[in-house]
Structure formats: C-alpha cells, structure tokens
Amino acid sequence: MAIYLAKRLFGACIVLWAVITITFGLMHAIPGGPFTQEKKLPPAVMATVEARYHLDEPLWNQYVDYVRHAAVLDLGPSYKYPGKTVNDIIAETLPVSAELGLISLFLAIGAGILAGMAAAWYKNTWVDYGMMIGATLGVSVPSFIFAAVLIQLFAFTWPVLPAALWKGPAYVILPALALAAQPTAFIMRLTRSSLVDALGQDYIRTARSRGIGSWSLLYRHALRNALLPVVSYIGPLAAALMTGSFIVETIFAIPGLGRHFVTSIYNRDYTVILGITIFYSFLIMMMNLLVDLIYLLLDPRITVDSRKEE
C-alpha cells in the first residue's frame, strides 16, 4: 500500500508540473499582459511595475522562478490585488466555495441515489419514466439556466429567497440547488443503470429465492456493487464543486474561488490563474486517489494490485 501511494503521489507531482508548464505557456502566448490597459501607462511607470514583479526578465527565467516557488507552496503575489498573495486569496475564498460545494454535493448524492434507486426498483413504470425524463432535463440544461429560472421564480415571482450575495443560510439555497441540479441527474442515471444490472445478477436471484426481503435485497446486496460507478463520478465532482462553480458563483455574486478565477482571466492576473488551476488539479488527483481507496472498502475483490494494473 505504501509503495502504491508513493507511486501515485509521484505521478501527481509530474502531472502538476505538466499543468504548470502548459498553463504558463498558454497565458504568455496571448497578446497583452496583466498591466495592459486601454489607456497606456507611461513607459517609465510600466517599466517600474514590470520590474517589481520580474516581468521584465526573460520568459524562461520567469518560468523557472515560478516552478521553484510553487514547489514550496508559494504561489506568488496577485497582480490585481495589491498586498495579497495567491495563497491569501485561496485561503479567504475557499471556505465559501467549499461550503457551497459540500452542500451541493450532499444534495446531489442524496437525491440522485434515492431517485436512481426508485427508478431501478420500479423499472418500466411511470416512476421510472418520470425520473428519467427529469434526469434527461437535468443533464441537458446548463447550470446557469437553472440559476436564472430559480432566481426568477423564488426571488421575483414569489419573493421568498434572496437572489444574490452570501450573508446567511437563506442565501445558500438557490445557488446550491442550481449547482446540484446537473450532478443529481448524472448520479441518478448512473445509479439506475448500475442497479438494474445488479438486480439482474444470479446472486440477487439466489438471495430472493432464500426469502430475503425487498429492502434488504436492495440495500445490503444490490446497492453496494451498484455504487462503484457512482463513486468514480463523485471523486472529480467533489473537487469541482468544492473549488466553486465559476458560472454559478458569478451569477449569484458569491465571493468564492470560482468567481475570483473568472475575474483573474478577465484581468490576466497570471499568478491567480496559475495558482487556482494548480489547486484545482491537485484536488482532482487527491479525490481520484480517495476514490481508489474507497473501492477497496466497497468491493473486497478489488485489491491494490488490481488498481495498479488499471
């Protein structure tokens, strides 16, 4: 196990280095820079600003310097927020995104698994058809459309919830629902498909012939194996939701990590773009590693050696 974890962590370092290299190259390939404005700064002022942030050095030197600092978790200063580093921005905004993301994740997992179970158990009935129609809509409609509809219905037509900002529990409901809608639909479809397949297996028929009750058959025997594809999806989903939905946070004016990422792109704040990209990539890899470890708990037939082969 220790060797397996060491190999995975080493591979994660290689991937992070590739992410830094590609993102760094793409950002500097775009014309302009973080201090490019419609009204040009005087050359002396521009030279002073670039020298302060070492932007006047050759690109190769900037790249090596950034990688060297990133290796010790120093993601550099922000070009657009004077006095703040990228580490400060992540530390300030991540709790907001994580709170919203965890609430959305639990909503998606709970509603998606329960709806998928109902659709699978009542296969080819009106329950199944209704759930699948809802899942198809959830997968097809983007989150910003859900957000707009929710704001129109519950903030204007029936003004019972606030439309934006982040000032208390009531402000969480609409963005959490908008953020959880699409993942709920995916989880519902995965659960239904996997559970239908599991309920058709020989061991389920054997358990049913022995007189095991319906709920025990569903929960104790079929659901455990059916959750493996769902767990695979939940890993990267958790990383995406916890770092903030860029569109949803912008629509609801939530001061989270996703909103800062969008703003940094507009402002060409190179260090913020790089820092959030690295952080997001790291979370995805750690969640994927966690998923592999959860596999071992859900299915004893899966071993570390079999995960290595994959």
Protein backbone atom coordinates (compact mmCIF):
# COMPACT_ATOMS: atom_id res chain seq x y z
CA MET A 1 0.00 0.00 0.00
CA ALA A 2 2.79 2.44 0.91
CA ILE A 3 4.56 1.80 -2.40
CA TYR A 4 1.28 2.28 -4.28
CA LEU A 5 0.61 5.61 -2.54
CA ALA A 6 4.19 6.76 -3.17
CA LYS A 7 3.85 6.00 -6.89
CA ARG A 8 0.53 7.84 -7.08
CA LEU A 9 1.95 10.90 -5.31
CA PHE A 10 5.00 10.91 -7.60
CA GLY A 11 2.70 10.71 -10.61
CA ALA A 12 0.68 13.60 -9.18
CA CYS A 13 3.83 15.74 -9.00
CA ILE A 14 4.56 15.01 -12.67
CA VAL A 15 1.01 15.93 -13.65
CA LEU A 16 1.14 19.17 -11.66
CA TRP A 17 4.41 20.10 -13.37
CA ALA A 18 2.75 19.48 -16.76
CA VAL A 19 -0.27 21.59 -15.74
CA ILE A 20 2.02 24.47 -14.68
CA THR A 21 4.03 24.27 -17.91
CA ILE A 22 1.01 24.16 -20.24
CA THR A 23 -0.94 26.87 -18.39
CA PHE A 24 2.12 29.12 -18.14
CA GLY A 25 2.81 28.76 -21.86
CA LEU A 26 -0.81 29.41 -22.91
CA MET A 27 -1.13 32.54 -20.74
CA HIS A 28 2.04 34.11 -22.09
CA ALA A 29 1.11 33.19 -25.67
CA ILE A 30 -1.88 35.56 -25.50
CA PRO A 31 -1.05 39.14 -26.54
CA GLY A 32 -1.00 41.69 -23.75
CA GLY A 33 -0.30 41.33 -20.07
CA PRO A 34 -1.74 41.95 -16.60
CA PHE A 35 -0.93 45.66 -16.78
CA THR A 36 -2.15 46.24 -20.33
CA GLN A 37 -4.91 48.87 -20.26
CA GLU A 38 -6.94 50.86 -22.76
CA LYS A 39 -5.12 53.94 -21.54
CA LYS A 40 -1.44 53.13 -21.79
CA LEU A 41 0.76 53.79 -18.81
CA PRO A 42 3.86 55.96 -19.28
CA PRO A 43 6.87 53.83 -20.27
CA ALA A 44 8.73 54.66 -17.05
CA VAL A 45 5.76 53.60 -14.90
CA MET A 46 5.30 50.40 -16.93
CA ALA A 47 8.99 49.56 -16.58
CA THR A 48 8.85 50.09 -12.81
CA VAL A 49 5.77 47.88 -12.42
CA GLU A 50 7.20 45.09 -14.58
CA ALA A 51 10.50 45.21 -12.70
CA ARG A 52 8.65 44.94 -9.38
CA TYR A 53 7.00 41.67 -10.46
CA HIS A 54 10.01 40.45 -12.50
CA LEU A 55 8.01 40.60 -15.74
CA ASP A 56 10.94 42.28 -17.46
CA GLU A 57 13.03 39.12 -17.16
CA PRO A 58 13.25 36.51 -19.96
CA LEU A 59 10.27 34.16 -20.08
CA TRP A 60 12.41 31.14 -19.25
CA ASN A 61 13.65 32.80 -16.06
CA GLN A 62 10.07 33.64 -15.05
CA TYR A 63 9.04 30.01 -15.61
CA VAL A 64 11.90 28.54 -13.58
CA ASP A 65 11.32 31.05 -10.79
CA TYR A 66 7.60 30.22 -10.63
CA VAL A 67 8.17 26.44 -10.57
CA ARG A 68 10.78 26.86 -7.83
CA HIS A 69 8.38 28.85 -5.64
CA ALA A 70 5.40 26.59 -6.42
CA ALA A 71 7.44 23.60 -5.23
CA VAL A 72 7.42 25.11 -1.73
CA LEU A 73 3.71 26.09 -1.97
CA ASP A 74 4.42 29.76 -2.67
CA LEU A 75 2.01 30.68 -5.49
CA GLY A 76 3.21 34.27 -5.77
CA PRO A 77 1.61 37.72 -5.46
CA SER A 78 -1.55 38.81 -7.21
CA TYR A 79 -1.03 41.47 -9.87
CA LYS A 80 -4.51 42.97 -9.43
CA TYR A 81 -4.94 42.77 -5.65
CA PRO A 82 -2.06 44.77 -4.15
CA GLY A 83 -0.72 43.37 -0.90
CA LYS A 84 -2.35 39.97 -1.41
CA THR A 85 -0.77 36.71 -2.47
CA VAL A 86 -2.50 33.89 -4.32
CA ASN A 87 -2.25 31.82 -1.12
CA ASP A 88 -4.19 34.57 0.69
CA ILE A 89 -6.90 34.63 -1.97
CA ILE A 90 -7.33 30.85 -1.88
CA ALA A 91 -7.40 30.83 1.93
CA GLU A 92 -10.05 33.59 2.01
CA THR A 93 -12.35 32.32 -0.73
CA LEU A 94 -12.03 28.53 -0.49
CA PRO A 95 -14.20 28.22 2.67
CA VAL A 96 -17.09 29.91 0.84
CA SER A 97 -16.74 27.68 -2.23
CA ALA A 98 -16.23 24.59 -0.08
CA GLU A 99 -19.36 25.29 1.97
CA LEU A 100 -21.47 25.80 -1.14
CA GLY A 101 -19.84 22.82 -2.87
CA LEU A 102 -20.30 20.40 0.04
CA ILE A 103 -23.97 21.33 0.42
CA SER A 104 -24.50 20.86 -3.33
CA LEU A 105 -22.56 17.57 -3.24
CA PHE A 106 -24.67 16.12 -0.42
CA LEU A 107 -27.85 17.24 -2.18
CA ALA A 108 -26.72 15.64 -5.44
CA ILE A 109 -25.63 12.37 -3.81
CA GLY A 110 -28.72 12.01 -1.64
CA ALA A 111 -31.32 12.97 -4.23
CA GLY A 112 -29.51 11.26 -7.12
CA ILE A 113 -29.06 7.89 -5.38
CA LEU A 114 -32.60 7.82 -3.96
CA ALA A 115 -34.15 8.76 -7.31
CA GLY A 116 -31.97 6.23 -9.15
CA MET A 117 -32.97 3.51 -6.68
CA ALA A 118 -36.65 4.29 -7.17
CA ALA A 119 -36.27 4.27 -10.97
CA ALA A 120 -34.43 0.93 -10.92
CA TRP A 121 -36.79 -0.77 -8.47
CA TYR A 122 -39.88 0.35 -10.41
CA LYS A 123 -38.31 -0.21 -13.82
CA ASN A 124 -40.53 0.39 -16.86
CA THR A 125 -43.25 2.05 -14.80
CA TRP A 126 -44.41 5.65 -14.67
CA VAL A 127 -41.97 6.23 -11.77
CA ASP A 128 -39.03 5.13 -13.91
CA TYR A 129 -40.15 7.14 -16.94
CA GLY A 130 -40.75 10.26 -14.85
CA MET A 131 -37.34 10.01 -13.17
CA MET A 132 -35.55 9.51 -16.48
CA ILE A 133 -37.32 12.48 -18.08
CA GLY A 134 -36.21 14.62 -15.15
CA ALA A 135 -32.65 13.24 -15.40
CA THR A 136 -32.51 13.98 -19.12
CA LEU A 137 -33.59 17.57 -18.48
CA GLY A 138 -31.06 17.88 -15.68
CA VAL A 139 -28.21 16.67 -17.86
CA SER A 140 -29.22 18.76 -20.86
CA VAL A 141 -29.95 22.13 -19.24
CA PRO A 142 -26.83 24.13 -18.17
CA SER A 143 -26.48 25.26 -14.57
CA PHE A 144 -26.78 28.95 -15.46
CA ILE A 145 -30.24 28.28 -16.95
CA PHE A 146 -31.31 26.57 -13.73
CA ALA A 147 -29.89 29.54 -11.81
CA ALA A 148 -31.83 32.05 -13.90
CA VAL A 149 -35.08 30.09 -13.55
CA LEU A 150 -34.66 29.74 -9.78
CA ILE A 151 -33.95 33.46 -9.38
CA GLN A 152 -36.98 34.37 -11.48
CA LEU A 153 -39.31 32.03 -9.60
CA PHE A 154 -38.19 32.36 -5.99
CA ALA A 155 -36.68 35.86 -5.90
CA PHE A 156 -39.06 37.80 -8.17
CA THR A 157 -42.27 35.88 -8.97
CA TRP A 158 -42.52 34.54 -5.40
CA PRO A 159 -40.02 36.65 -3.43
CA VAL A 160 -39.22 34.18 -0.67
CA LEU A 161 -35.44 33.85 -1.12
CA PRO A 162 -32.63 36.34 -1.83
CA ALA A 163 -31.36 36.47 -5.39
CA ALA A 164 -27.66 37.05 -4.70
CA LEU A 165 -24.84 37.66 -2.22
CA TRP A 166 -23.68 35.47 0.68
CA LYS A 167 -24.95 36.65 4.04
CA GLY A 168 -26.64 33.70 5.73
CA PRO A 169 -28.34 30.30 5.34
CA ALA A 170 -31.12 31.67 3.12
CA TYR A 171 -28.54 32.83 0.59
CA VAL A 172 -27.24 29.26 0.15
CA ILE A 173 -30.46 27.63 -1.06
CA LEU A 174 -30.75 28.90 -4.63
CA PRO A 175 -27.08 28.58 -5.64
CA ALA A 176 -26.88 25.12 -4.01
CA LEU A 177 -29.93 23.94 -5.95
CA ALA A 178 -28.59 25.38 -9.21
CA LEU A 179 -25.19 23.80 -8.63
CA ALA A 180 -26.61 20.40 -7.63
CA ALA A 181 -29.12 20.02 -10.46
CA GLN A 182 -26.82 18.60 -13.14
CA PRO A 183 -24.78 16.31 -10.84
CA THR A 184 -28.04 14.96 -9.39
CA ALA A 185 -29.17 13.98 -12.87
CA PHE A 186 -25.86 12.23 -13.65
CA ILE A 187 -25.87 10.33 -10.34
CA MET A 188 -29.50 9.34 -10.86
CA ARG A 189 -28.76 7.87 -14.29
CA LEU A 190 -25.63 6.07 -13.09
CA THR A 191 -27.40 4.62 -10.05
CA ARG A 192 -30.39 3.47 -12.06
CA SER A 193 -28.27 1.82 -14.76
CA SER A 194 -25.92 0.09 -12.32
CA LEU A 195 -28.73 -1.03 -10.02
CA VAL A 196 -30.78 -2.50 -12.86
CA ASP A 197 -27.73 -4.50 -13.91
CA ALA A 198 -27.04 -5.62 -10.31
CA LEU A 199 -30.64 -6.69 -9.71
CA GLY A 200 -30.37 -9.00 -12.72
CA GLN A 201 -27.36 -10.90 -11.40
CA ASP A 202 -27.50 -14.54 -10.26
CA TYR A 203 -26.59 -13.77 -6.65
CA ILE A 204 -29.63 -11.48 -6.40
CA ARG A 205 -31.89 -14.25 -7.72
CA THR A 206 -30.36 -16.63 -5.19
CA ALA A 207 -30.91 -14.16 -2.34
CA ARG A 208 -34.50 -13.58 -3.45
CA SER A 209 -35.18 -17.34 -3.59
CA ARG A 210 -33.98 -17.63 0.01
CA GLY A 211 -36.74 -15.27 1.09
CA ILE A 212 -34.68 -12.15 1.77
CA GLY A 213 -36.91 -9.08 1.98
CA SER A 214 -37.08 -6.49 -0.79
CA TRP A 215 -35.40 -3.64 1.11
CA SER A 216 -32.66 -5.87 2.47
CA LEU A 217 -32.11 -7.24 -1.02
CA LEU A 218 -31.84 -3.74 -2.42
CA TYR A 219 -29.68 -2.13 0.27
CA ARG A 220 -27.46 -4.94 1.53
CA HIS A 221 -26.85 -6.84 -1.71
CA ALA A 222 -27.52 -4.84 -4.87
CA LEU A 223 -26.76 -1.24 -3.91
CA ARG A 224 -23.22 -1.82 -2.65
CA ASN A 225 -21.99 -3.13 -6.02
CA ALA A 226 -24.10 -0.64 -7.95
CA LEU A 227 -22.39 2.31 -6.22
CA LEU A 228 -18.94 1.68 -7.75
CA PRO A 229 -19.59 3.72 -10.94
CA VAL A 230 -21.23 6.42 -8.82
CA VAL A 231 -18.16 6.67 -6.59
CA SER A 232 -15.98 7.08 -9.70
CA TYR A 233 -18.06 10.09 -10.72
CA ILE A 234 -18.27 11.59 -7.22
CA GLY A 235 -14.47 11.91 -6.89
CA PRO A 236 -13.83 14.56 -9.56
CA LEU A 237 -17.31 16.00 -8.94
CA ALA A 238 -16.39 16.75 -5.31
CA ALA A 239 -13.24 18.57 -6.40
CA ALA A 240 -15.17 20.62 -8.96
CA LEU A 241 -17.93 21.61 -6.52
CA MET A 242 -15.58 22.37 -3.62
CA THR A 243 -13.48 24.75 -5.68
CA GLY A 244 -16.59 26.59 -6.79
CA SER A 245 -18.69 26.73 -9.88
CA PHE A 246 -17.37 29.61 -11.94
CA ILE A 247 -20.71 30.47 -13.54
CA VAL A 248 -22.99 29.94 -10.53
CA GLU A 249 -20.78 31.98 -8.20
CA THR A 250 -20.67 34.80 -10.74
CA ILE A 251 -24.46 34.79 -11.24
CA PHE A 252 -25.21 34.87 -7.50
CA ALA A 253 -22.33 37.27 -6.70
CA ILE A 254 -20.80 34.79 -4.25
CA PRO A 255 -17.27 35.76 -3.14
CA GLY A 256 -15.82 32.31 -3.74
CA LEU A 257 -12.85 30.81 -5.51
CA GLY A 258 -14.67 30.32 -8.80
CA ARG A 259 -15.66 33.95 -9.08
CA HIS A 260 -12.05 35.04 -8.46
CA PHE A 261 -10.87 32.65 -11.16
CA VAL A 262 -13.22 34.23 -13.72
CA THR A 263 -12.14 37.73 -12.64
CA SER A 264 -8.47 36.78 -12.90
CA ILE A 265 -8.99 35.66 -16.51
CA TYR A 266 -10.55 39.00 -17.39
CA ASN A 267 -7.73 40.82 -15.62
CA ARG A 268 -4.99 38.49 -16.96
CA ASP A 269 -3.81 38.02 -13.40
CA TYR A 270 -1.32 35.31 -14.32
CA THR A 271 -0.41 34.16 -10.84
CA VAL A 272 -4.05 33.81 -9.71
CA ILE A 273 -4.93 31.82 -12.84
CA LEU A 274 -1.95 29.53 -12.33
CA GLY A 275 -2.49 29.16 -8.60
CA ILE A 276 -6.17 28.24 -8.82
CA THR A 277 -5.51 25.88 -11.74
CA ILE A 278 -2.80 24.10 -9.75
CA PHE A 279 -5.01 23.90 -6.67
CA TYR A 280 -7.94 22.55 -8.68
CA SER A 281 -5.73 19.94 -10.39
CA PHE A 282 -4.31 18.86 -7.03
CA LEU A 283 -7.81 18.40 -5.58
CA ILE A 284 -8.92 16.30 -8.55
CA MET A 285 -5.94 13.98 -8.20
CA MET A 286 -6.43 13.62 -4.45
CA MET A 287 -10.12 12.87 -4.92
CA ASN A 288 -9.31 10.24 -7.53
CA LEU A 289 -6.87 8.65 -5.09
CA LEU A 290 -9.56 8.70 -2.40
CA VAL A 291 -11.97 7.03 -4.83
CA ASP A 292 -9.48 4.21 -5.41
CA LEU A 293 -9.20 3.67 -1.66
CA ILE A 294 -13.00 3.68 -1.25
CA TYR A 295 -13.18 0.97 -3.93
CA LEU A 296 -11.30 -1.32 -1.56
CA LEU A 297 -14.00 -0.82 1.08
CA LEU A 298 -16.98 -1.25 -1.24
CA ASP A 299 -15.73 -4.34 -3.05
CA PRO A 300 -13.28 -6.68 -1.25
CA ARG A 301 -12.49 -8.35 -4.60
CA ILE A 302 -10.65 -5.19 -5.64
CA THR A 303 -7.07 -5.07 -4.40
CA VAL A 304 -4.22 -2.59 -4.62
CA ASP A 305 -2.61 -4.81 -7.25
CA SER A 306 -5.70 -4.69 -9.44
CA ARG A 307 -5.80 -0.87 -9.17
CA LYS A 308 -2.13 -0.79 -10.22
CA GLU A 309 -2.95 -2.77 -13.36
CA GLU A 310 -5.65 -0.28 -14.29
